[in-house]
Protein backbone atom coordinates (compact mmCIF):
# COMPACT_ATOMS: atom_id res chain seq x y z
CA ALA A 1 190.58 -123.99 -75.96
CA LEU A 2 187.11 -122.76 -75.07
CA ALA A 3 186.78 -121.21 -71.59
CA VAL A 4 183.61 -122.01 -69.63
CA ARG A 5 182.43 -121.26 -66.10
CA PHE A 6 179.88 -123.19 -64.10
CA ALA A 7 177.95 -120.11 -62.97
CA GLU A 8 178.23 -116.34 -62.79
CA ARG A 9 179.53 -116.34 -59.21
CA GLN A 10 182.52 -118.57 -60.04
CA ARG A 11 185.77 -116.75 -60.74
CA SER A 12 187.87 -119.60 -62.13
CA HIS A 13 187.04 -121.07 -65.51
CA HIS A 14 187.40 -124.48 -67.13
CA CYS A 15 188.83 -125.11 -70.60
CA LEU A 16 187.12 -127.28 -73.19
CA LEU A 17 189.39 -128.47 -75.99
CA VAL A 18 187.55 -128.38 -79.31
CA LYS A 19 188.53 -129.45 -82.82
CA GLU A 20 186.85 -130.59 -85.99
CA HIS A 21 186.14 -134.31 -86.06
CA GLN A 22 188.05 -135.76 -89.02
CA VAL A 23 187.60 -139.37 -90.12
CA ARG A 24 187.42 -141.22 -93.40
CA GLU A 25 184.20 -141.03 -95.35
CA GLY A 26 181.79 -143.66 -94.06
CA ALA A 27 184.06 -144.70 -91.16
CA ASP A 28 181.85 -143.04 -88.54
CA ALA A 29 178.22 -142.86 -89.63
CA ALA A 30 176.98 -141.42 -86.33
CA HIS A 31 179.50 -138.53 -86.41
CA PRO A 32 179.74 -137.28 -90.01
CA PRO A 33 182.90 -135.33 -90.90
CA ARG A 34 182.84 -131.56 -91.51
CA ARG A 35 179.66 -131.32 -89.40
CA THR A 36 180.94 -132.79 -86.10
CA LEU A 37 182.81 -130.94 -83.37
CA PHE A 38 185.02 -133.07 -81.12
CA VAL A 39 185.13 -131.76 -77.53
CA LEU A 40 187.65 -132.94 -74.93
CA ASN A 41 187.88 -132.37 -71.16
CA VAL A 42 184.12 -132.23 -70.62
CA PRO A 43 183.39 -131.99 -66.85
CA PRO A 44 180.83 -134.34 -65.23
CA TYR A 45 178.35 -131.53 -64.54
CA CYS A 46 178.19 -130.58 -68.23
CA GLY A 47 175.58 -132.81 -69.85
CA PRO A 48 174.23 -133.06 -73.40
CA ASP A 49 171.64 -130.32 -72.78
CA SER A 50 174.30 -127.92 -71.51
CA LEU A 51 176.58 -128.57 -74.49
CA SER A 52 173.70 -128.20 -76.91
CA ARG A 53 172.79 -124.85 -75.36
CA LEU A 54 176.42 -123.65 -75.37
CA PHE A 55 176.96 -124.39 -79.07
CA SER A 56 173.46 -123.51 -80.27
CA ARG A 57 174.63 -119.92 -80.83
CA CYS A 58 176.86 -121.23 -83.63
CA GLY A 59 174.12 -123.08 -85.47
CA HIS A 60 171.46 -125.73 -85.15
CA VAL A 61 172.75 -128.65 -83.04
CA GLN A 62 171.48 -131.93 -84.42
CA SER A 63 172.77 -134.26 -81.68
CA VAL A 64 175.23 -134.46 -78.77
CA ASP A 65 176.93 -137.75 -77.93
CA ILE A 66 178.96 -137.98 -74.69
CA CYS A 67 181.38 -140.92 -74.25
CA ASP A 68 183.97 -141.95 -71.69
CA LYS A 69 186.68 -142.16 -74.36
CA PRO A 70 187.02 -141.37 -78.08
CA GLY A 71 185.79 -143.99 -80.51
CA PRO A 72 183.54 -144.58 -83.50
CA GLY A 73 179.86 -144.10 -82.81
CA GLU A 74 177.05 -146.41 -83.82
CA LYS A 75 174.05 -145.34 -85.82
CA LYS A 76 170.99 -145.55 -83.59
CA ASP A 77 168.04 -146.91 -85.54
CA LYS A 78 165.67 -146.72 -82.60
CA LEU A 79 165.58 -145.21 -79.16
CA ALA A 80 167.54 -147.05 -76.50
CA SER A 81 165.78 -148.47 -73.49
CA LYS A 82 165.62 -146.11 -70.53
CA PHE A 83 165.32 -149.07 -68.16
CA PHE A 84 168.17 -151.33 -69.28
CA ASP A 85 170.63 -149.19 -71.26
CA ASN A 86 171.46 -146.59 -68.62
CA LYS A 87 175.24 -146.23 -68.28
CA THR A 88 176.47 -143.71 -65.73
CA LEU A 89 179.67 -142.02 -66.90
CA LYS A 90 182.04 -140.83 -64.20
CA GLY A 91 184.86 -138.32 -64.41
CA PHE A 92 185.80 -136.15 -67.36
CA GLN A 93 184.47 -137.25 -70.74
CA VAL A 94 184.58 -136.50 -74.45
CA ALA A 95 181.69 -135.31 -76.60
CA TYR A 96 180.71 -135.26 -80.27
CA VAL A 97 178.51 -132.29 -81.20
CA VAL A 98 176.86 -132.79 -84.60
CA PHE A 99 175.62 -129.64 -86.37
CA ARG A 100 173.23 -129.41 -89.28
CA LYS A 101 175.61 -127.28 -91.39
CA PRO A 102 179.43 -127.41 -91.69
CA ALA A 103 179.73 -123.64 -91.14
CA ALA A 104 178.61 -124.08 -87.53
CA VAL A 105 181.77 -126.08 -86.75
CA GLN A 106 184.00 -123.20 -87.81
CA ALA A 107 181.87 -120.78 -85.78
CA ALA A 108 182.20 -123.02 -82.72
CA LYS A 109 185.98 -123.08 -83.08
CA ALA A 110 185.97 -119.27 -83.14
CA LEU A 111 184.20 -119.10 -79.76
CA SER A 112 187.58 -119.41 -78.02
CA GLN A 113 188.18 -115.73 -78.78
CA GLU A 114 185.19 -114.70 -76.69
CA GLY A 115 184.88 -114.61 -72.91
CA PRO A 116 184.04 -117.59 -70.70
CA LEU A 117 180.65 -119.13 -71.42
CA LEU A 118 178.26 -120.01 -68.60
CA ILE A 119 177.07 -123.58 -68.18
CA SER A 120 174.45 -122.92 -65.49
CA THR A 121 172.25 -119.85 -65.92
CA GLU A 122 169.07 -118.60 -64.29
CA SER A 123 166.97 -119.73 -67.23
CA HIS A 124 168.79 -123.09 -67.55
CA PRO A 125 170.14 -124.04 -64.11
CA VAL A 126 172.24 -127.18 -63.62
CA LYS A 127 171.25 -129.15 -60.54
CA THR A 128 173.99 -129.94 -58.03
CA GLY A 129 174.22 -131.27 -54.50
CA ILE A 130 171.04 -132.39 -52.78
CA LYS A 131 168.87 -131.24 -55.70
CA LYS A 132 170.82 -133.46 -58.08
CA TRP A 133 170.52 -136.44 -55.72
CA ILE A 134 166.77 -135.94 -55.41
CA ALA A 135 166.40 -135.72 -59.20
CA SER A 136 168.52 -138.86 -59.67
CA TYR A 137 166.42 -140.75 -57.13
CA GLU A 138 163.16 -139.68 -58.74
CA ALA A 139 164.48 -140.70 -62.16
CA SER A 140 165.50 -144.13 -60.81
CA ILE A 141 161.92 -144.99 -59.81
CA VAL A 142 160.53 -147.31 -62.49
CA ASP A 143 156.92 -147.21 -63.64
CA PRO A 144 155.73 -150.86 -63.65
CA LYS A 145 153.30 -150.28 -66.52
CA GLU A 146 155.94 -148.72 -68.79
CA LEU A 147 158.43 -151.45 -67.88
CA LYS A 148 155.89 -154.19 -68.63
CA ALA A 149 154.97 -152.58 -71.95
CA GLU A 150 158.63 -152.37 -73.00
CA VAL A 151 159.36 -155.96 -71.95
CA ASP A 152 156.27 -157.23 -73.80
CA ALA A 153 157.28 -155.34 -76.94
CA TYR A 154 160.81 -156.73 -76.74
CA MET A 155 159.57 -160.30 -76.27
CA GLN A 156 157.17 -159.94 -79.20
CA ASP A 157 160.03 -158.82 -81.43
CA TYR A 158 162.19 -161.68 -80.13
CA ASP A 159 159.47 -164.30 -80.70
CA LYS A 160 158.90 -162.95 -84.20
CA LYS A 161 162.61 -163.16 -84.97
CA VAL A 162 162.85 -166.73 -83.64
CA ALA A 163 159.79 -167.78 -85.65
CA GLU A 164 161.31 -166.32 -88.82
CA GLU A 165 164.60 -168.15 -88.21
CA GLU A 166 162.79 -171.45 -87.57
CA ALA A 167 160.68 -171.03 -90.70
CA LYS A 168 163.79 -170.28 -92.75
CA ALA A 169 165.59 -173.32 -91.29
CA ALA A 170 162.57 -175.54 -92.02
CA MET A 171 162.52 -174.40 -95.64
CA GLU A 172 166.26 -175.06 -96.05
CA GLU A 173 166.20 -178.44 -94.28
CA GLY A 174 167.06 -181.27 -96.65
CA VAL A 175 167.60 -178.90 -99.58
CA PRO A 176 171.09 -179.19 -101.12
CA ASP A 177 173.06 -176.03 -101.78
CA GLU A 178 174.77 -174.99 -105.00
CA GLU A 179 177.53 -177.57 -104.55
CA GLY A 180 175.15 -180.38 -103.62
CA TRP A 181 175.81 -180.39 -99.86
CA VAL A 182 172.94 -180.86 -97.41
CA LYS A 183 173.12 -178.99 -94.11
CA VAL A 184 172.61 -181.29 -91.11
CA THR A 185 171.19 -179.66 -87.97
CA ARG A 186 170.61 -180.94 -84.45
CA LYS A 187 166.85 -180.89 -84.99
CA GLY A 188 165.90 -184.24 -86.45
CA ARG A 189 164.91 -187.77 -85.55
CA LYS A 190 168.07 -188.30 -83.50
CA PRO A 191 169.29 -184.90 -82.32
CA GLY A 192 172.87 -184.80 -81.10
CA LEU A 193 173.88 -184.16 -77.53
CA PRO A 194 174.15 -180.52 -76.53
CA ARG A 195 177.75 -179.38 -76.14
CA THR A 196 177.42 -178.05 -72.62
CA GLU A 197 179.48 -178.62 -69.49
CA ALA A 198 176.62 -180.38 -67.69
CA ALA A 199 176.11 -182.79 -70.60
CA ASN A 200 179.84 -183.57 -70.73
CA LEU A 201 179.90 -184.26 -66.98
CA ARG A 202 176.95 -186.64 -67.29
CA VAL A 203 178.68 -188.56 -70.08
CA LEU A 204 181.92 -188.83 -68.07
CA GLU A 205 180.04 -190.03 -64.97
CA LYS A 206 178.24 -192.66 -67.04
CA GLU A 207 181.53 -193.92 -68.46
CA ARG A 208 183.08 -194.06 -64.98
CA ARG A 209 180.22 -196.18 -63.63
CA LYS A 210 180.48 -198.49 -66.63
CA ARG A 211 184.21 -199.02 -66.06
CA ALA A 212 183.62 -199.61 -62.33
CA ARG A 213 181.17 -202.42 -63.10
CA LYS A 214 183.61 -204.10 -65.47
CA GLU A 215 186.66 -203.76 -63.22
CA LEU A 216 187.46 -206.78 -60.98
CA LEU A 217 188.74 -205.70 -57.56
CA ASN A 218 191.13 -208.00 -55.65
CA PHE A 219 190.91 -210.63 -58.36
CA TYR A 220 194.65 -211.20 -58.47
CA ALA A 221 196.92 -211.84 -55.50
CA TRP A 222 199.02 -208.74 -56.15
CA GLN A 223 195.85 -206.60 -56.13
CA HIS A 224 194.94 -208.02 -52.73
CA ARG A 225 198.44 -207.26 -51.37
CA GLU A 226 198.35 -203.70 -52.72
CA THR A 227 194.95 -203.09 -51.13
CA LYS A 228 196.13 -204.34 -47.72
CA ARG A 229 199.32 -202.27 -47.95
CA GLU A 230 197.37 -199.08 -48.77
CA HIS A 231 194.93 -199.75 -45.93
CA ILE A 232 197.76 -200.19 -43.40
CA ALA A 233 199.45 -197.00 -44.64
CA GLN A 234 196.21 -195.05 -44.17
CA LEU A 235 195.79 -196.44 -40.63
CA ARG A 236 199.36 -195.43 -39.71
CA LYS A 237 198.84 -191.96 -41.12
CA LYS A 238 195.61 -191.52 -39.17
CA PHE A 239 197.33 -192.80 -35.99
CA GLU A 240 200.12 -190.21 -36.32
CA GLU A 241 197.60 -187.43 -36.91
CA ASP A 242 195.63 -188.46 -33.80
CA LYS A 243 198.83 -188.47 -31.70
CA GLN A 244 199.71 -184.95 -32.84
CA ARG A 245 196.19 -183.72 -32.14
CA ILE A 246 196.20 -185.21 -28.61
CA ALA A 247 199.62 -183.67 -27.87
CA LEU A 248 198.37 -180.28 -29.04
CA MET A 249 195.28 -180.56 -26.84
CA ARG A 250 197.44 -181.41 -23.80
CA ALA A 251 199.73 -178.46 -24.46
CA GLN A 252 196.76 -176.10 -24.65
CA ARG A 253 195.09 -177.47 -21.51
CA LYS A 254 194.52 -174.83 -18.82
CA PHE A 255 193.67 -175.09 -15.13
CA ARG A 256 189.95 -174.40 -14.66
CA PRO A 257 188.85 -174.95 -11.04
CA TYR A 258 185.26 -173.98 -11.81
């Protein structure tokens, strides 16, 4: 356990549980074994910058990944969007600290023998209270130009990907595969109906109208008798409901002289 304190004026300390991250080779590409330190019980006020500064005395910190629960990380090929990929983690978390050299992990595990480390210092203060709220509000304000540039870049990549898929599908259309089968797609002279709920409802409504036109109502004598019997039953039911409603209105009637 590694003891940490929020600031110099605090007397009580908080314990971070640290251990070497051990997984199979290639199972976790984002957190390589022998160079990754797994940290548990990370408080909400301890962010990636604070952890990087705490463990930088052990060696060069390559990256710090904070998660809500342990799990395999994903290799990030490009920077995530700061407008759409913001996930606010609440409560205590876990962290993966990746060092450049394996010796730094052993040095970080030996920090538990030293005194409590400070998270917020004069040179690197951690904002709390009203200062943190103001910083969060200022960070939430979106620059329209940056947002438009990111959306345009994303749509260009998407259009390029769709064009490549359509070109590939056009090249493979009508060409048999190794076994002689030809892939049939919905894009053709007679494309099939889309398998959506709205399309299914339209087909069912069309079939219902077609059956209604073909059905002969009151063609037979027994159909006529059944129709009259159902109509009389509905009238009797409505009559009983009206009687109950009138009785209820009479029971709730109050004397109002004015």
